[in-house]
Amino acid sequence: MSVLAHLVVPVASEADAVATCEALEPYLDDIERVTAVHVIEKGGGSVDKAPLEKRREDAAEFLAVVDTRLSNAVAVDDRTAFGTDIVQTIFEEARDAGATAVAIRPRGGSRIVRLLTGDTATRLVTDPDLPVLALPKPPEGEG
């Protein structure tokens, strides 16, 4: 079985979903299934960032982008997960889905932004439970 057989793809926003799908396009012949996951971060005792219903609606929109863009080429599942630790929750969802790897499209940002936000991408690749694939940015004019 190929490491690309069943990918879990974390999706943080609509723009992230589009960029991730564009980065996946060159590899679709090798992928059998994609499980798109949006993690709604829970406050762990603090006040949540937005009303839960709004966050669920946003998640459904983000995940629909993946389904629309990829479902003609591969099987697509989607999951909305809840957790206080985004990285841990992504790996829990990946294990639960039976994924072969997690594929991410790292987003840019200055070092200070990554420091302040916890840099999820760095945490995903530091001590992964499954292989983690960093998808390249498509060349200008493609995707």
Foldseek 3Di string as FASTA:
>chain_A
DDLQAEEEEEWAAQVQLVQQLQLCVVPLVVYAEYEYEYEQADPPPDDGPDDPVVVVVRQVVSQVSNCVSPVVRHHYHYYYHYYNDVLVGSLVVCVVVVHQEYEGAQDDDDPVVCVVVVNSVCVCPPDHPHHYHHGYGDPPPGD
